Amino acid sequence: MAAKKAQSGRTGASPASVFSSLQASGFAVVVLVLIVAGVVVLSPTLSILAEQQQEIAALEAALEESNEAVISLEAQRERWRDPAFVETQARERLLFVYPGDITYLVIDDVGEAEETDELEVSSDIVRSTTDWREALLASYLVAATTSSLNAAGDTP
């Protein structure tokens, strides 16, 4: 018997013994078939469920955003019910004043510093094709020969 064990250990198991160990009972085959069938049947349903869960999450986020917008609009509506707020908005936005008030409108012609930062400075020298003296003289002649009534669009 020791010789058989030594022989089987060297040459490996015989093909008949491999097949006999691989034979499965009918119960194991039925369970395996049921598991595969369950996966095949349930996989589309589970994917639809996952998609619906994602859609529900997106709709809940949109609902929360809409609720925040409603709350913001309600607060804004309450502010507009205050006469002092309405007066302030009319003065600031529409430049309304009470009779007898003196208002000054300051126009910022300097511009913002951010705009000058964005401009790119060219390293090329550009020569003007017009003479500044001729342009100054032409401007002076137009101003001297035009009356103030004609410039306003009225006839003399």
Protein backbone atom coordinates (compact mmCIF):
# COMPACT_ATOMS: atom_id res chain seq x y z
CA MET A 1 0.00 0.00 0.00
CA ALA A 2 2.88 2.30 0.70
CA ALA A 3 4.09 1.60 -2.81
CA LYS A 4 0.69 2.65 -4.27
CA LYS A 5 0.78 5.92 -2.31
CA ALA A 6 4.27 6.59 -3.53
CA GLN A 7 3.25 5.85 -7.11
CA SER A 8 0.11 7.98 -6.98
CA GLY A 9 2.03 10.81 -5.36
CA ARG A 10 4.59 10.79 -8.15
CA THR A 11 2.31 10.35 -11.12
CA GLY A 12 -0.71 12.27 -9.77
CA ALA A 13 -4.27 11.15 -9.39
CA SER A 14 -5.87 8.96 -12.01
CA PRO A 15 -8.46 10.56 -14.31
CA ALA A 16 -11.24 8.42 -12.89
CA SER A 17 -10.66 9.66 -9.37
CA VAL A 18 -10.61 13.31 -10.56
CA PHE A 19 -14.00 12.93 -12.24
CA SER A 20 -15.47 11.17 -9.24
CA SER A 21 -14.34 14.02 -6.94
CA LEU A 22 -15.73 16.64 -9.32
CA GLN A 23 -19.16 15.04 -9.54
CA ALA A 24 -21.66 17.29 -7.85
CA SER A 25 -24.87 16.31 -6.30
CA GLY A 26 -28.14 17.29 -7.96
CA PHE A 27 -28.91 19.64 -5.09
CA ALA A 28 -25.75 21.72 -5.67
CA VAL A 29 -26.53 22.00 -9.37
CA VAL A 30 -30.09 23.15 -8.65
CA VAL A 31 -28.86 25.77 -6.16
CA LEU A 32 -26.26 27.04 -8.65
CA VAL A 33 -28.89 27.29 -11.42
CA LEU A 34 -31.25 29.17 -9.07
CA ILE A 35 -28.52 31.64 -8.11
CA VAL A 36 -27.65 32.32 -11.76
CA ALA A 37 -31.35 32.68 -12.66
CA GLY A 38 -31.88 35.04 -9.72
CA VAL A 39 -28.98 37.25 -10.81
CA VAL A 40 -30.26 37.32 -14.39
CA VAL A 41 -33.82 38.13 -13.30
CA LEU A 42 -32.94 40.70 -10.64
CA SER A 43 -30.10 42.60 -12.35
CA PRO A 44 -32.36 44.79 -14.58
CA THR A 45 -34.60 45.50 -11.62
CA LEU A 46 -31.65 46.48 -9.46
CA SER A 47 -30.25 48.77 -12.14
CA ILE A 48 -33.65 50.46 -12.49
CA LEU A 49 -33.78 50.81 -8.70
CA ALA A 50 -30.33 52.44 -8.66
CA GLU A 51 -31.34 54.87 -11.41
CA GLN A 52 -34.53 55.76 -9.56
CA GLN A 53 -32.56 56.36 -6.35
CA GLN A 54 -30.27 58.75 -8.22
CA GLU A 55 -33.24 60.54 -9.76
CA ILE A 56 -34.90 60.85 -6.35
CA ALA A 57 -31.70 62.34 -4.90
CA ALA A 58 -31.49 64.86 -7.76
CA LEU A 59 -35.15 65.82 -7.34
CA GLU A 60 -34.71 66.23 -3.58
CA ALA A 61 -31.73 68.53 -4.20
CA ALA A 62 -33.77 70.57 -6.70
CA LEU A 63 -36.64 70.74 -4.20
CA GLU A 64 -34.30 71.99 -1.48
CA GLU A 65 -32.92 74.62 -3.85
CA SER A 66 -36.44 75.71 -4.76
CA ASN A 67 -37.39 75.94 -1.09
CA GLU A 68 -34.36 78.15 -0.43
CA ALA A 69 -35.35 80.37 -3.36
CA VAL A 70 -38.91 80.64 -2.00
CA ILE A 71 -37.62 81.61 1.43
CA SER A 72 -35.34 84.22 -0.13
CA LEU A 73 -38.17 85.67 -2.21
CA GLU A 74 -40.48 85.80 0.80
CA ALA A 75 -37.84 87.70 2.77
CA GLN A 76 -37.41 90.09 -0.15
CA ARG A 77 -41.19 90.59 -0.32
CA GLU A 78 -41.24 91.45 3.38
CA ARG A 79 -38.48 94.02 2.86
CA TRP A 80 -40.46 95.66 0.04
CA ARG A 81 -43.44 96.06 2.40
CA ASP A 82 -41.33 98.42 4.54
CA PRO A 83 -41.84 102.05 3.35
CA ALA A 84 -38.32 103.06 4.39
CA PHE A 85 -36.81 100.31 2.21
CA VAL A 86 -38.96 101.36 -0.75
CA GLU A 87 -37.88 104.98 -0.31
CA THR A 88 -34.22 104.00 -0.11
CA GLN A 89 -34.46 101.86 -3.24
CA ALA A 90 -36.24 104.65 -5.16
CA ARG A 91 -33.53 107.12 -4.16
CA GLU A 92 -30.64 104.79 -5.02
CA ARG A 93 -31.87 102.98 -8.12
CA LEU A 94 -34.14 105.54 -9.76
CA LEU A 95 -32.46 108.69 -8.40
CA PHE A 96 -35.76 109.98 -7.03
CA VAL A 97 -35.62 113.01 -4.71
CA TYR A 98 -38.07 115.00 -2.69
CA PRO A 99 -39.00 118.48 -3.93
CA GLY A 100 -36.39 120.94 -2.72
CA ASP A 101 -33.63 118.34 -2.30
CA ILE A 102 -30.33 119.01 -4.00
CA THR A 103 -28.59 115.95 -5.35
CA TYR A 104 -25.17 115.47 -6.85
CA LEU A 105 -24.38 112.73 -9.30
CA VAL A 106 -20.69 111.83 -9.37
CA ILE A 107 -19.59 110.03 -12.49
CA ASP A 108 -16.54 107.89 -12.06
CA ASP A 109 -14.52 108.60 -15.18
CA VAL A 110 -11.32 107.10 -13.81
CA GLY A 111 -12.54 103.53 -14.15
CA GLU A 112 -11.60 100.53 -12.13
CA ALA A 113 -8.01 99.49 -11.47
CA GLU A 114 -8.85 95.93 -12.53
CA GLU A 115 -9.52 97.02 -16.11
CA THR A 116 -6.05 98.52 -16.50
CA ASP A 117 -4.47 95.35 -15.15
CA GLU A 118 -6.03 93.27 -17.91
CA LEU A 119 -4.72 95.43 -20.76
CA GLU A 120 -1.66 94.05 -22.44
CA VAL A 121 1.12 96.53 -23.14
CA SER A 122 2.63 96.29 -26.59
CA SER A 123 6.37 96.50 -27.07
CA ASP A 124 5.99 97.67 -30.69
CA ILE A 125 6.16 101.37 -31.56
CA VAL A 126 3.12 102.53 -33.51
CA ARG A 127 3.35 105.63 -35.64
CA SER A 128 0.23 107.66 -36.21
CA THR A 129 -0.74 108.43 -39.79
CA THR A 130 -2.53 111.67 -38.86
CA ASP A 131 -0.85 114.85 -37.75
CA TRP A 132 -2.07 116.04 -34.36
CA ARG A 133 -1.58 119.70 -35.34
CA GLU A 134 -3.89 119.35 -38.33
CA ALA A 135 -6.49 117.56 -36.18
CA LEU A 136 -6.30 120.35 -33.57
CA LEU A 137 -6.70 123.03 -36.22
CA ALA A 138 -9.66 121.21 -37.80
CA SER A 139 -11.33 120.87 -34.41
CA TYR A 140 -10.80 124.58 -33.71
CA LEU A 141 -12.26 125.58 -37.10
CA VAL A 142 -15.34 123.37 -36.59
CA ALA A 143 -15.91 124.79 -33.11
CA ALA A 144 -15.40 128.38 -34.29
CA THR A 145 -17.74 128.13 -37.28
CA THR A 146 -20.57 126.24 -35.60
CA SER A 147 -23.10 128.23 -33.62
CA SER A 148 -24.55 126.92 -30.38
CA LEU A 149 -28.08 126.96 -31.83
CA ASN A 150 -27.07 124.74 -34.76
CA ALA A 151 -25.27 122.32 -32.45
CA ALA A 152 -28.39 121.91 -30.32
CA GLY A 153 -30.46 121.10 -33.39
CA ASP A 154 -32.52 124.31 -33.37
CA THR A 155 -32.83 126.44 -36.48
CA PRO A 156 -31.55 130.05 -36.28
